[in-house]
Structure formats: C-alpha cells, structure tokens
Amino acid sequence: MRGELMFKILSALEEGKDGMVDLLDNYLFDGIDRGLRRADEPKKELDEWEESEKREKEEQRQMSRRFYALVSYLERDGLVRKTMVSQSVFIKITGKGKDKLENLKTSIEKALPSPKYGNSPVSENKGVTIFTFDIPEKERNKRDWLRCALRSIGFEMIHKSVWTGKDGIPKDFLEDIKNLKLGDYIEIFQITRAGSLRKLM
C-alpha cells in the first residue's frame, strides 16, 4: 500500500499536480460517493446512509493521515520539497524523486504488461472512443497500469475514470485487458461520425 501511494503521489507531482488538496481529492478520495441526503427518503434508508457516511468520513481521515505522513517521509528523504505560495503549502517533486518514480514504474512494469503499445495495430476507428472503468481498490495496481496505458495510446482524461481518444485502441491493449481479467470493470463506446453510439466492450 505504501509503495502504491508513493507512486500515485510522485506520478501526480511529475504531471504538474503540485497542490496537496488536489492530490487528496483526485487520487486518495477517488471513487468515494459524496451524495446528498434526500429529505423524503425512508428512515431506514437514512440511517443506512448516515452509517455509510460515517464510514466514508473515517476512511477519508485515515487516507489523509497516510497521505501527510508519507509526504513528510518523502520530504525527509529528499524526494519532494515543500514551498509556500500565498500562505498555502505546495509540494514539488525533486530530481531524486523522479529517479525514485522511474524505479517504481519499472517495478510495476515487471509485474504487469508494458503500458506502451507503440505501433501496435489498432481497432477500426470511425469516430471518438469513450473509455470508462470502475476498478476495485484491491486491483489498484492494475488501475494505475490502465491509466498509464491510456495516456500512451493518446487518450485524454475528462474525469478520473472517463477517458476519450480519436485514434482507435491497440488490439494488444484489448488483449491485455482480457488477460488481466479487467473486462468486467471496463466499458468502451464509440461515437461514430454519423452520431450513433456503438459499444465495443
């Protein structure tokens, strides 16, 4: 868990996301439902909602503690540095931190397929492709791999779990998704030039 959280933080910093609040919101609280309570919901459902909300808040507190503890460790180890901007604390990755990130990426790539597909043949492309996923936290290493792979094939993130691309999807990438047993967590749609929606996975 610590190594994966370190990878998330350093990856985010390398991409330019150097605000602590942004990191917490986008990377640690990914997938947490912050839905509003409705006044007309039955009491039993409200009680269940309140209990669920308590668990989520406790989970947020635990993740926050882990985050700040790890940031302090990274700073002591020279992997990140803190700066003050208008009385706000920001963190930035250092050269040593970038080296550490490359080592972490290598470790991930050894356990998973390479997220880079180069000139691999792509599926037929007739419009914009929408790639969505909802991968369980227990599979977070595969989720991190998936995001790296999507970036490598030219997809852009419009939400944490929603990506779009215009160049088709490498067939090897689709095969790796199946081999990693991620198919149940992924949906791929294509918006054709005629405006219709076609499901690819």
C-alpha atoms as a PDB file:
ATOM      1  CA  MET A   1       0.000   0.000   0.000  1.00  0.00           C
ATOM      2  CA  ARG A   2       2.778   2.459   0.903  1.00  0.00           C
ATOM      3  CA  GLY A   3       4.638   1.866  -2.355  1.00  0.00           C
ATOM      4  CA  GLU A   4       1.462   2.302  -4.391  1.00  0.00           C
ATOM      5  CA  LEU A   5       0.539   5.519  -2.580  1.00  0.00           C
ATOM      6  CA  MET A   6       4.084   6.800  -3.100  1.00  0.00           C
ATOM      7  CA  PHE A   7       3.762   6.007  -6.815  1.00  0.00           C
ATOM      8  CA  LYS A   8       0.478   7.922  -7.014  1.00  0.00           C
ATOM      9  CA  ILE A   9       1.890  10.994  -5.281  1.00  0.00           C
ATOM     10  CA  LEU A  10       5.118  11.117  -7.300  1.00  0.00           C
ATOM     11  CA  SER A  11       3.250  10.473 -10.571  1.00  0.00           C
ATOM     12  CA  ALA A  12       0.829  13.289  -9.830  1.00  0.00           C
ATOM     13  CA  LEU A  13       3.650  15.672  -8.970  1.00  0.00           C
ATOM     14  CA  GLU A  14       5.526  14.795 -12.155  1.00  0.00           C
ATOM     15  CA  GLU A  15       2.380  15.639 -14.139  1.00  0.00           C
ATOM     16  CA  GLY A  16       2.277  19.066 -12.512  1.00  0.00           C
ATOM     17  CA  LYS A  17      -0.421  18.458  -9.895  1.00  0.00           C
ATOM     18  CA  ASP A  18       1.560  20.029  -7.044  1.00  0.00           C
ATOM     19  CA  GLY A  19      -1.223  21.101  -4.654  1.00  0.00           C
ATOM     20  CA  MET A  20      -1.903  18.945  -1.621  1.00  0.00           C
ATOM     21  CA  VAL A  21      -5.656  19.454  -1.779  1.00  0.00           C
ATOM     22  CA  ASP A  22      -5.775  18.423  -5.440  1.00  0.00           C
ATOM     23  CA  LEU A  23      -3.775  15.307  -4.707  1.00  0.00           C
ATOM     24  CA  LEU A  24      -6.057  14.281  -1.890  1.00  0.00           C
ATOM     25  CA  ASP A  25      -9.221  14.904  -3.870  1.00  0.00           C
ATOM     26  CA  ASN A  26      -8.132  13.349  -7.160  1.00  0.00           C
ATOM     27  CA  TYR A  27      -6.002  10.439  -6.009  1.00  0.00           C
ATOM     28  CA  LEU A  28      -6.896   9.439  -2.467  1.00  0.00           C
ATOM     29  CA  PHE A  29     -10.641  10.031  -2.481  1.00  0.00           C
ATOM     30  CA  ASP A  30     -11.141   8.588  -5.957  1.00  0.00           C
ATOM     31  CA  GLY A  31     -14.496   6.836  -6.099  1.00  0.00           C
ATOM     32  CA  ILE A  32     -15.875   7.992  -2.739  1.00  0.00           C
ATOM     33  CA  ASP A  33     -19.517   8.921  -3.043  1.00  0.00           C
ATOM     34  CA  ARG A  34     -20.385  12.331  -1.625  1.00  0.00           C
ATOM     35  CA  GLY A  35     -24.082  12.157  -2.480  1.00  0.00           C
ATOM     36  CA  LEU A  36     -26.575  14.430  -0.729  1.00  0.00           C
ATOM     37  CA  ARG A  37     -29.267  13.083   1.557  1.00  0.00           C
ATOM     38  CA  ARG A  38     -32.841  13.436   0.369  1.00  0.00           C
ATOM     39  CA  ALA A  39     -35.489  14.583   2.848  1.00  0.00           C
ATOM     40  CA  ASP A  40     -38.095  12.158   1.523  1.00  0.00           C
ATOM     41  CA  GLU A  41     -36.019   9.011   1.989  1.00  0.00           C
ATOM     42  CA  PRO A  42     -37.409   6.419   4.473  1.00  0.00           C
ATOM     43  CA  LYS A  43     -35.855   6.468   7.953  1.00  0.00           C
ATOM     44  CA  LYS A  44     -34.213   3.069   7.492  1.00  0.00           C
ATOM     45  CA  GLU A  45     -32.511   4.254   4.326  1.00  0.00           C
ATOM     46  CA  LEU A  46     -31.480   7.484   6.038  1.00  0.00           C
ATOM     47  CA  ASP A  47     -29.959   5.523   8.924  1.00  0.00           C
ATOM     48  CA  GLU A  48     -28.066   3.337   6.470  1.00  0.00           C
ATOM     49  CA  TRP A  49     -26.943   6.435   4.565  1.00  0.00           C
ATOM     50  CA  GLU A  50     -25.712   8.116   7.757  1.00  0.00           C
ATOM     51  CA  GLU A  51     -23.828   4.981   8.797  1.00  0.00           C
ATOM     52  CA  SER A  52     -22.259   4.755   5.357  1.00  0.00           C
ATOM     53  CA  GLU A  53     -21.335   8.440   5.538  1.00  0.00           C
ATOM     54  CA  LYS A  54     -19.607   7.894   8.899  1.00  0.00           C
ATOM     55  CA  ARG A  55     -17.556   5.049   7.440  1.00  0.00           C
ATOM     56  CA  GLU A  56     -16.597   7.161   4.434  1.00  0.00           C
ATOM     57  CA  LYS A  57     -15.534  10.094   6.624  1.00  0.00           C
ATOM     58  CA  GLU A  58     -13.396   7.790   8.750  1.00  0.00           C
ATOM     59  CA  GLU A  59     -11.861   6.340   5.599  1.00  0.00           C
ATOM     60  CA  GLN A  60     -11.106   9.872   4.391  1.00  0.00           C
ATOM     61  CA  ARG A  61      -9.431  10.712   7.712  1.00  0.00           C
ATOM     62  CA  GLN A  62      -7.300   7.577   7.542  1.00  0.00           C
ATOM     63  CA  MET A  63      -6.263   8.293   3.963  1.00  0.00           C
ATOM     64  CA  SER A  64      -5.432  11.887   4.870  1.00  0.00           C
ATOM     65  CA  ARG A  65      -3.214  10.739   7.735  1.00  0.00           C
ATOM     66  CA  ARG A  66      -1.417   8.260   5.474  1.00  0.00           C
ATOM     67  CA  PHE A  67      -1.014  10.923   2.807  1.00  0.00           C
ATOM     68  CA  TYR A  68       0.531  13.574   5.065  1.00  0.00           C
ATOM     69  CA  ALA A  69       2.722  11.019   6.852  1.00  0.00           C
ATOM     70  CA  LEU A  70       4.058   9.815   3.516  1.00  0.00           C
ATOM     71  CA  VAL A  71       4.607  13.373   2.248  1.00  0.00           C
ATOM     72  CA  SER A  72       6.704  14.061   5.367  1.00  0.00           C
ATOM     73  CA  TYR A  73       8.694  10.882   4.697  1.00  0.00           C
ATOM     74  CA  LEU A  74       9.226  11.858   1.043  1.00  0.00           C
ATOM     75  CA  GLU A  75      10.423  15.311   2.118  1.00  0.00           C
ATOM     76  CA  ARG A  76      12.875  13.877   4.673  1.00  0.00           C
ATOM     77  CA  ASP A  77      14.209  11.518   2.008  1.00  0.00           C
ATOM     78  CA  GLY A  78      14.677  14.373  -0.469  1.00  0.00           C
ATOM     79  CA  LEU A  79      12.102  13.057  -2.951  1.00  0.00           C
ATOM     80  CA  VAL A  80       9.839  16.124  -2.707  1.00  0.00           C
ATOM     81  CA  ARG A  81      10.158  19.656  -1.382  1.00  0.00           C
ATOM     82  CA  LYS A  82       7.578  21.946   0.156  1.00  0.00           C
ATOM     83  CA  THR A  83       7.089  25.552  -0.899  1.00  0.00           C
ATOM     84  CA  MET A  84       4.858  28.323   0.426  1.00  0.00           C
ATOM     85  CA  VAL A  85       2.646  30.209  -2.040  1.00  0.00           C
ATOM     86  CA  SER A  86       0.302  32.847  -0.612  1.00  0.00           C
ATOM     87  CA  GLN A  87       0.298  31.094   2.784  1.00  0.00           C
ATOM     88  CA  SER A  88      -0.577  27.756   1.130  1.00  0.00           C
ATOM     89  CA  VAL A  89       1.735  24.732   1.231  1.00  0.00           C
ATOM     90  CA  PHE A  90       2.570  23.076  -2.083  1.00  0.00           C
ATOM     91  CA  ILE A  91       4.813  20.103  -2.792  1.00  0.00           C
ATOM     92  CA  LYS A  92       7.006  19.515  -5.832  1.00  0.00           C
ATOM     93  CA  ILE A  93       8.964  16.503  -6.986  1.00  0.00           C
ATOM     94  CA  THR A  94      12.785  16.690  -6.924  1.00  0.00           C
ATOM     95  CA  GLY A  95      15.332  15.104  -9.241  1.00  0.00           C
ATOM     96  CA  LYS A  96      15.810  12.323  -6.704  1.00  0.00           C
ATOM     97  CA  GLY A  97      12.044  11.889  -6.592  1.00  0.00           C
ATOM     98  CA  LYS A  98      11.912  11.483 -10.384  1.00  0.00           C
ATOM     99  CA  ASP A  99      14.568   8.771 -10.171  1.00  0.00           C
ATOM    100  CA  LYS A 100      12.525   7.005  -7.486  1.00  0.00           C
ATOM    101  CA  LEU A 101       9.420   7.269  -9.665  1.00  0.00           C
ATOM    102  CA  GLU A 102      11.229   5.621 -12.582  1.00  0.00           C
ATOM    103  CA  ASN A 103      12.253   2.755 -10.282  1.00  0.00           C
ATOM    104  CA  LEU A 104       8.650   2.354  -9.142  1.00  0.00           C
ATOM    105  CA  LYS A 105       7.440   2.360 -12.752  1.00  0.00           C
ATOM    106  CA  THR A 106       9.958  -0.357 -13.582  1.00  0.00           C
ATOM    107  CA  SER A 107       8.694  -2.486 -10.682  1.00  0.00           C
ATOM    108  CA  ILE A 108       5.102  -2.094 -11.872  1.00  0.00           C
ATOM    109  CA  GLU A 109       6.027  -2.920 -15.464  1.00  0.00           C
ATOM    110  CA  LYS A 110       7.736  -6.139 -14.340  1.00  0.00           C
ATOM    111  CA  ALA A 111       4.520  -7.328 -12.704  1.00  0.00           C
ATOM    112  CA  LEU A 112       2.177  -6.089 -15.460  1.00  0.00           C
ATOM    113  CA  PRO A 113       2.291  -5.774 -19.256  1.00  0.00           C
ATOM    114  CA  SER A 114       4.127  -2.773 -20.634  1.00  0.00           C
ATOM    115  CA  PRO A 115       1.730   0.189 -20.802  1.00  0.00           C
ATOM    116  CA  LYS A 116       3.340   1.323 -24.068  1.00  0.00           C
ATOM    117  CA  TYR A 117       1.981  -0.053 -27.333  1.00  0.00           C
ATOM    118  CA  GLY A 118       3.954   1.851 -29.971  1.00  0.00           C
ATOM    119  CA  ASN A 119       2.846   0.887 -33.479  1.00  0.00           C
ATOM    120  CA  SER A 120       0.595  -1.964 -32.377  1.00  0.00           C
ATOM    121  CA  PRO A 121      -2.332  -2.495 -34.825  1.00  0.00           C
ATOM    122  CA  VAL A 122      -5.450  -0.673 -33.677  1.00  0.00           C
ATOM    123  CA  SER A 123      -9.134  -1.500 -33.825  1.00  0.00           C
ATOM    124  CA  GLU A 124     -11.187   0.087 -36.582  1.00  0.00           C
ATOM    125  CA  ASN A 125     -11.703   3.749 -35.782  1.00  0.00           C
ATOM    126  CA  LYS A 126     -14.768   5.577 -37.041  1.00  0.00           C
ATOM    127  CA  GLY A 127     -15.076   8.375 -34.511  1.00  0.00           C
ATOM    128  CA  VAL A 128     -14.449   9.356 -30.900  1.00  0.00           C
ATOM    129  CA  THR A 129     -13.854   6.482 -28.464  1.00  0.00           C
ATOM    130  CA  ILE A 130     -15.044   6.771 -24.852  1.00  0.00           C
ATOM    131  CA  PHE A 131     -13.274   4.532 -22.326  1.00  0.00           C
ATOM    132  CA  THR A 132     -14.775   4.205 -18.828  1.00  0.00           C
ATOM    133  CA  PHE A 133     -13.765   1.987 -15.923  1.00  0.00           C
ATOM    134  CA  ASP A 134     -14.638   1.257 -12.304  1.00  0.00           C
ATOM    135  CA  ILE A 135     -11.854  -0.964 -10.992  1.00  0.00           C
ATOM    136  CA  PRO A 136     -11.983  -2.092  -7.318  1.00  0.00           C
ATOM    137  CA  GLU A 137      -9.431  -0.686  -4.880  1.00  0.00           C
ATOM    138  CA  LYS A 138      -7.947  -4.176  -4.402  1.00  0.00           C
ATOM    139  CA  GLU A 139      -6.902  -4.011  -8.080  1.00  0.00           C
ATOM    140  CA  ARG A 140      -5.424  -0.508  -7.808  1.00  0.00           C
ATOM    141  CA  ASN A 141      -2.068  -1.571  -9.336  1.00  0.00           C
ATOM    142  CA  LYS A 142      -3.927  -2.651 -12.470  1.00  0.00           C
ATOM    143  CA  ARG A 143      -5.883   0.608 -12.376  1.00  0.00           C
ATOM    144  CA  ASP A 144      -2.624   2.591 -12.309  1.00  0.00           C
ATOM    145  CA  TRP A 145      -1.307   0.494 -15.204  1.00  0.00           C
ATOM    146  CA  LEU A 146      -4.507   1.147 -17.152  1.00  0.00           C
ATOM    147  CA  ARG A 147      -4.168   4.911 -16.763  1.00  0.00           C
ATOM    148  CA  CYS A 148      -0.545   4.792 -17.959  1.00  0.00           C
ATOM    149  CA  ALA A 149      -1.593   2.694 -20.957  1.00  0.00           C
ATOM    150  CA  LEU A 150      -4.424   5.063 -21.865  1.00  0.00           C
ATOM    151  CA  ARG A 151      -2.021   8.007 -21.815  1.00  0.00           C
ATOM    152  CA  SER A 152       0.435   6.107 -24.010  1.00  0.00           C
ATOM    153  CA  ILE A 153      -2.178   5.497 -26.736  1.00  0.00           C
ATOM    154  CA  GLY A 154      -3.172   9.141 -26.840  1.00  0.00           C
ATOM    155  CA  PHE A 155      -6.307   9.134 -24.706  1.00  0.00           C
ATOM    156  CA  GLU A 156      -7.129  12.150 -22.545  1.00  0.00           C
ATOM    157  CA  MET A 157      -8.767  12.112 -19.118  1.00  0.00           C
ATOM    158  CA  ILE A 158     -12.013  14.067 -18.840  1.00  0.00           C
ATOM    159  CA  HIS A 159     -12.800  12.538 -15.425  1.00  0.00           C
ATOM    160  CA  LYS A 160     -10.807  10.218 -13.159  1.00  0.00           C
ATOM    161  CA  SER A 161     -12.435   7.156 -14.735  1.00  0.00           C
ATOM    162  CA  VAL A 162     -13.573   8.540 -18.099  1.00  0.00           C
ATOM    163  CA  TRP A 163     -11.131   8.937 -20.997  1.00  0.00           C
ATOM    164  CA  THR A 164     -11.561   9.823 -24.680  1.00  0.00           C
ATOM    165  CA  GLY A 165      -9.474   9.239 -27.791  1.00  0.00           C
ATOM    166  CA  LYS A 166      -9.668   9.573 -31.554  1.00  0.00           C
ATOM    167  CA  ASP A 167      -7.053   7.110 -32.829  1.00  0.00           C
ATOM    168  CA  GLY A 168      -8.646   3.760 -32.051  1.00  0.00           C
ATOM    169  CA  ILE A 169      -7.455   1.201 -29.486  1.00  0.00           C
ATOM    170  CA  PRO A 170      -4.471  -1.152 -29.997  1.00  0.00           C
ATOM    171  CA  LYS A 171      -5.593  -4.766 -30.290  1.00  0.00           C
ATOM    172  CA  ASP A 172      -2.747  -5.843 -27.990  1.00  0.00           C
ATOM    173  CA  PHE A 173      -4.119  -3.449 -25.360  1.00  0.00           C
ATOM    174  CA  LEU A 174      -7.565  -5.047 -25.577  1.00  0.00           C
ATOM    175  CA  GLU A 175      -5.952  -8.481 -25.291  1.00  0.00           C
ATOM    176  CA  ASP A 176      -4.008  -7.410 -22.187  1.00  0.00           C
ATOM    177  CA  ILE A 177      -7.237  -6.116 -20.623  1.00  0.00           C
ATOM    178  CA  LYS A 178      -8.794  -9.554 -21.118  1.00  0.00           C
ATOM    179  CA  ASN A 179      -5.720 -11.379 -19.791  1.00  0.00           C
ATOM    180  CA  LEU A 180      -5.732  -9.182 -16.671  1.00  0.00           C
ATOM    181  CA  LYS A 181      -9.426 -10.004 -16.185  1.00  0.00           C
ATOM    182  CA  LEU A 182     -10.441  -6.339 -16.245  1.00  0.00           C
ATOM    183  CA  GLY A 183     -13.202  -6.722 -18.813  1.00  0.00           C
ATOM    184  CA  ASP A 184     -15.980  -6.738 -16.204  1.00  0.00           C
ATOM    185  CA  TYR A 185     -14.856  -3.329 -14.923  1.00  0.00           C
ATOM    186  CA  ILE A 186     -14.488  -1.592 -18.281  1.00  0.00           C
ATOM    187  CA  GLU A 187     -16.851  -0.212 -20.901  1.00  0.00           C
ATOM    188  CA  ILE A 188     -15.759   1.139 -24.268  1.00  0.00           C
ATOM    189  CA  PHE A 189     -18.050   3.107 -26.552  1.00  0.00           C
ATOM    190  CA  GLN A 190     -17.531   4.703 -29.924  1.00  0.00           C
ATOM    191  CA  ILE A 191     -19.392   7.738 -31.200  1.00  0.00           C
ATOM    192  CA  THR A 192     -19.471   7.341 -34.968  1.00  0.00           C
ATOM    193  CA  ARG A 193     -19.236  10.207 -37.390  1.00  0.00           C
ATOM    194  CA  ALA A 194     -22.942   9.710 -38.059  1.00  0.00           C
ATOM    195  CA  GLY A 195     -23.620  10.427 -34.372  1.00  0.00           C
ATOM    196  CA  SER A 196     -24.634   6.927 -33.266  1.00  0.00           C
ATOM    197  CA  LEU A 197     -23.209   5.183 -30.175  1.00  0.00           C
ATOM    198  CA  ARG A 198     -21.618   1.754 -30.546  1.00  0.00           C
ATOM    199  CA  LYS A 199     -20.394  -0.391 -27.646  1.00  0.00           C
ATOM    200  CA  LEU A 200     -17.009  -2.041 -28.185  1.00  0.00           C
ATOM    201  CA  MET A 201     -16.642  -3.730 -24.766  1.00  0.00           C
END
